[in-house]
Amino acid sequence: MQTSNKIFDDIAKLATGAVGAAHSVKAEMEDHFRAWLDRQLSQMDLVSREEFEVVRDMAEKARLENEALRAEIDALKKKTPAKAAKKA
Protein backbone atom coordinates (compact mmCIF):
# COMPACT_ATOMS: atom_id res chain seq x y z
CA MET A 1 0.00 0.00 0.00
CA GLN A 2 2.80 2.36 0.85
CA THR A 3 4.28 1.99 -2.64
CA SER A 4 1.09 2.85 -4.49
CA ASN A 5 0.56 5.94 -2.33
CA LYS A 6 4.06 7.15 -3.20
CA ILE A 7 3.35 6.66 -6.91
CA PHE A 8 0.11 8.61 -6.59
CA ASP A 9 1.89 11.33 -4.62
CA ASP A 10 4.55 11.58 -7.31
CA ILE A 11 1.90 11.74 -10.05
CA ALA A 12 0.01 14.43 -8.12
CA LYS A 13 3.19 16.48 -7.68
CA LEU A 14 4.01 16.09 -11.36
CA ALA A 15 0.49 17.16 -12.37
CA THR A 16 0.61 20.14 -10.01
CA GLY A 17 3.96 21.19 -11.46
CA ALA A 18 2.64 20.81 -15.02
CA VAL A 19 -0.41 22.95 -14.24
CA GLY A 20 1.80 25.61 -12.68
CA ALA A 21 4.13 25.57 -15.69
CA ALA A 22 1.17 25.80 -18.09
CA HIS A 23 -0.19 28.75 -16.14
CA SER A 24 3.20 30.48 -16.33
CA VAL A 25 3.44 29.84 -20.06
CA LYS A 26 -0.09 31.19 -20.56
CA ALA A 27 0.74 34.38 -18.65
CA GLU A 28 3.97 34.83 -20.60
CA MET A 29 2.17 34.31 -23.93
CA GLU A 30 -0.48 36.87 -22.94
CA ASP A 31 2.25 39.39 -22.07
CA HIS A 32 3.99 38.81 -25.40
CA PHE A 33 0.72 39.12 -27.30
CA ARG A 34 -0.17 42.37 -25.53
CA ALA A 35 3.27 43.78 -26.31
CA TRP A 36 2.92 42.74 -29.97
CA LEU A 37 -0.56 44.25 -30.17
CA ASP A 38 0.67 47.51 -28.61
CA ARG A 39 3.46 47.68 -31.21
CA GLN A 40 1.01 47.05 -34.04
CA LEU A 41 -1.43 49.69 -32.80
CA SER A 42 1.32 52.24 -32.25
CA GLN A 43 2.37 51.85 -35.89
CA MET A 44 -1.14 52.71 -37.08
CA ASP A 45 -2.20 56.30 -37.49
CA LEU A 46 -4.98 56.19 -34.90
CA VAL A 47 -6.43 59.09 -32.95
CA SER A 48 -7.50 59.08 -29.35
CA ARG A 49 -11.16 59.19 -28.40
CA GLU A 50 -10.74 62.74 -27.10
CA GLU A 51 -9.24 63.94 -30.40
CA PHE A 52 -12.05 62.25 -32.30
CA GLU A 53 -14.69 63.94 -30.15
CA VAL A 54 -13.10 67.38 -30.66
CA VAL A 55 -12.96 66.97 -34.44
CA ARG A 56 -16.51 65.62 -34.53
CA ASP A 57 -17.74 68.65 -32.59
CA MET A 58 -15.86 70.95 -34.97
CA ALA A 59 -17.42 69.22 -37.97
CA GLU A 60 -20.90 69.49 -36.46
CA LYS A 61 -20.39 73.20 -35.80
CA ALA A 62 -19.13 73.72 -39.37
CA ARG A 63 -22.14 71.83 -40.75
CA LEU A 64 -24.56 74.00 -38.78
CA GLU A 65 -22.78 77.17 -39.94
CA ASN A 66 -22.90 75.90 -43.52
CA GLU A 67 -26.63 75.28 -43.27
CA ALA A 68 -27.19 78.77 -41.84
CA LEU A 69 -25.13 80.35 -44.62
CA ARG A 70 -27.00 78.29 -47.24
CA ALA A 71 -30.32 79.56 -45.85
CA GLU A 72 -29.01 83.13 -45.91
CA ILE A 73 -27.83 82.76 -49.52
CA ASP A 74 -31.19 81.30 -50.55
CA ALA A 75 -32.99 84.20 -48.88
CA LEU A 76 -30.76 86.70 -50.67
CA LYS A 77 -31.33 84.95 -54.00
CA LYS A 78 -35.08 85.28 -53.50
CA LYS A 79 -34.76 89.03 -52.82
CA THR A 80 -32.38 89.77 -55.71
CA PRO A 81 -34.69 88.90 -58.66
CA ALA A 82 -37.47 91.00 -57.12
CA LYS A 83 -35.22 94.06 -56.94
CA ALA A 84 -33.98 93.55 -60.51
CA ALA A 85 -37.55 93.31 -61.81
CA LYS A 86 -38.55 96.56 -60.02
CA LYS A 87 -35.66 98.52 -61.57
CA ALA A 88 -36.54 97.43 -65.12
C-alpha atoms as a PDB file:
ATOM      1  CA  MET A   1       0.000   0.000   0.000  1.00  0.00           C
ATOM      2  CA  GLN A   2       2.798   2.359   0.848  1.00  0.00           C
ATOM      3  CA  THR A   3       4.278   1.986  -2.640  1.00  0.00           C
ATOM      4  CA  SER A   4       1.090   2.854  -4.489  1.00  0.00           C
ATOM      5  CA  ASN A   5       0.565   5.944  -2.327  1.00  0.00           C
ATOM      6  CA  LYS A   6       4.064   7.145  -3.199  1.00  0.00           C
ATOM      7  CA  ILE A   7       3.347   6.663  -6.906  1.00  0.00           C
ATOM      8  CA  PHE A   8       0.108   8.610  -6.592  1.00  0.00           C
ATOM      9  CA  ASP A   9       1.887  11.325  -4.618  1.00  0.00           C
ATOM     10  CA  ASP A  10       4.546  11.577  -7.311  1.00  0.00           C
ATOM     11  CA  ILE A  11       1.904  11.743 -10.049  1.00  0.00           C
ATOM     12  CA  ALA A  12       0.013  14.432  -8.118  1.00  0.00           C
ATOM     13  CA  LYS A  13       3.194  16.482  -7.679  1.00  0.00           C
ATOM     14  CA  LEU A  14       4.006  16.089 -11.358  1.00  0.00           C
ATOM     15  CA  ALA A  15       0.487  17.159 -12.369  1.00  0.00           C
ATOM     16  CA  THR A  16       0.615  20.144 -10.014  1.00  0.00           C
ATOM     17  CA  GLY A  17       3.963  21.185 -11.460  1.00  0.00           C
ATOM     18  CA  ALA A  18       2.636  20.811 -15.023  1.00  0.00           C
ATOM     19  CA  VAL A  19      -0.412  22.948 -14.241  1.00  0.00           C
ATOM     20  CA  GLY A  20       1.803  25.610 -12.676  1.00  0.00           C
ATOM     21  CA  ALA A  21       4.125  25.567 -15.690  1.00  0.00           C
ATOM     22  CA  ALA A  22       1.167  25.799 -18.086  1.00  0.00           C
ATOM     23  CA  HIS A  23      -0.186  28.754 -16.142  1.00  0.00           C
ATOM     24  CA  SER A  24       3.195  30.484 -16.333  1.00  0.00           C
ATOM     25  CA  VAL A  25       3.441  29.840 -20.063  1.00  0.00           C
ATOM     26  CA  LYS A  26      -0.086  31.185 -20.560  1.00  0.00           C
ATOM     27  CA  ALA A  27       0.740  34.381 -18.653  1.00  0.00           C
ATOM     28  CA  GLU A  28       3.966  34.833 -20.605  1.00  0.00           C
ATOM     29  CA  MET A  29       2.170  34.314 -23.934  1.00  0.00           C
ATOM     30  CA  GLU A  30      -0.475  36.874 -22.944  1.00  0.00           C
ATOM     31  CA  ASP A  31       2.250  39.389 -22.074  1.00  0.00           C
ATOM     32  CA  HIS A  32       3.994  38.808 -25.400  1.00  0.00           C
ATOM     33  CA  PHE A  33       0.719  39.119 -27.296  1.00  0.00           C
ATOM     34  CA  ARG A  34      -0.171  42.373 -25.531  1.00  0.00           C
ATOM     35  CA  ALA A  35       3.268  43.784 -26.313  1.00  0.00           C
ATOM     36  CA  TRP A  36       2.924  42.738 -29.966  1.00  0.00           C
ATOM     37  CA  LEU A  37      -0.561  44.248 -30.170  1.00  0.00           C
ATOM     38  CA  ASP A  38       0.669  47.505 -28.610  1.00  0.00           C
ATOM     39  CA  ARG A  39       3.458  47.680 -31.206  1.00  0.00           C
ATOM     40  CA  GLN A  40       1.007  47.049 -34.043  1.00  0.00           C
ATOM     41  CA  LEU A  41      -1.430  49.685 -32.799  1.00  0.00           C
ATOM     42  CA  SER A  42       1.322  52.243 -32.252  1.00  0.00           C
ATOM     43  CA  GLN A  43       2.373  51.855 -35.894  1.00  0.00           C
ATOM     44  CA  MET A  44      -1.137  52.706 -37.077  1.00  0.00           C
ATOM     45  CA  ASP A  45      -2.197  56.300 -37.486  1.00  0.00           C
ATOM     46  CA  LEU A  46      -4.983  56.188 -34.902  1.00  0.00           C
ATOM     47  CA  VAL A  47      -6.427  59.088 -32.951  1.00  0.00           C
ATOM     48  CA  SER A  48      -7.495  59.084 -29.351  1.00  0.00           C
ATOM     49  CA  ARG A  49     -11.155  59.189 -28.403  1.00  0.00           C
ATOM     50  CA  GLU A  50     -10.744  62.740 -27.101  1.00  0.00           C
ATOM     51  CA  GLU A  51      -9.237  63.936 -30.395  1.00  0.00           C
ATOM     52  CA  PHE A  52     -12.050  62.246 -32.300  1.00  0.00           C
ATOM     53  CA  GLU A  53     -14.692  63.941 -30.145  1.00  0.00           C
ATOM     54  CA  VAL A  54     -13.102  67.381 -30.658  1.00  0.00           C
ATOM     55  CA  VAL A  55     -12.957  66.975 -34.440  1.00  0.00           C
ATOM     56  CA  ARG A  56     -16.506  65.617 -34.526  1.00  0.00           C
ATOM     57  CA  ASP A  57     -17.742  68.651 -32.594  1.00  0.00           C
ATOM     58  CA  MET A  58     -15.864  70.954 -34.965  1.00  0.00           C
ATOM     59  CA  ALA A  59     -17.424  69.217 -37.974  1.00  0.00           C
ATOM     60  CA  GLU A  60     -20.897  69.490 -36.459  1.00  0.00           C
ATOM     61  CA  LYS A  61     -20.391  73.205 -35.802  1.00  0.00           C
ATOM     62  CA  ALA A  62     -19.132  73.718 -39.369  1.00  0.00           C
ATOM     63  CA  ARG A  63     -22.143  71.826 -40.747  1.00  0.00           C
ATOM     64  CA  LEU A  64     -24.555  74.001 -38.778  1.00  0.00           C
ATOM     65  CA  GLU A  65     -22.784  77.174 -39.939  1.00  0.00           C
ATOM     66  CA  ASN A  66     -22.896  75.900 -43.519  1.00  0.00           C
ATOM     67  CA  GLU A  67     -26.633  75.280 -43.266  1.00  0.00           C
ATOM     68  CA  ALA A  68     -27.187  78.766 -41.843  1.00  0.00           C
ATOM     69  CA  LEU A  69     -25.133  80.348 -44.616  1.00  0.00           C
ATOM     70  CA  ARG A  70     -27.000  78.289 -47.236  1.00  0.00           C
ATOM     71  CA  ALA A  71     -30.316  79.556 -45.847  1.00  0.00           C
ATOM     72  CA  GLU A  72     -29.012  83.128 -45.910  1.00  0.00           C
ATOM     73  CA  ILE A  73     -27.831  82.757 -49.523  1.00  0.00           C
ATOM     74  CA  ASP A  74     -31.193  81.299 -50.546  1.00  0.00           C
ATOM     75  CA  ALA A  75     -32.989  84.203 -48.883  1.00  0.00           C
ATOM     76  CA  LEU A  76     -30.756  86.704 -50.675  1.00  0.00           C
ATOM     77  CA  LYS A  77     -31.331  84.950 -53.999  1.00  0.00           C
ATOM     78  CA  LYS A  78     -35.084  85.281 -53.501  1.00  0.00           C
ATOM     79  CA  LYS A  79     -34.758  89.035 -52.819  1.00  0.00           C
ATOM     80  CA  THR A  80     -32.382  89.773 -55.707  1.00  0.00           C
ATOM     81  CA  PRO A  81     -34.690  88.900 -58.655  1.00  0.00           C
ATOM     82  CA  ALA A  82     -37.472  90.998 -57.121  1.00  0.00           C
ATOM     83  CA  LYS A  83     -35.221  94.065 -56.944  1.00  0.00           C
ATOM     84  CA  ALA A  84     -33.976  93.547 -60.509  1.00  0.00           C
ATOM     85  CA  ALA A  85     -37.548  93.308 -61.811  1.00  0.00           C
ATOM     86  CA  LYS A  86     -38.550  96.559 -60.020  1.00  0.00           C
ATOM     87  CA  LYS A  87     -35.665  98.521 -61.574  1.00  0.00           C
ATOM     88  CA  ALA A  88     -36.541  97.429 -65.122  1.00  0.00           C
END
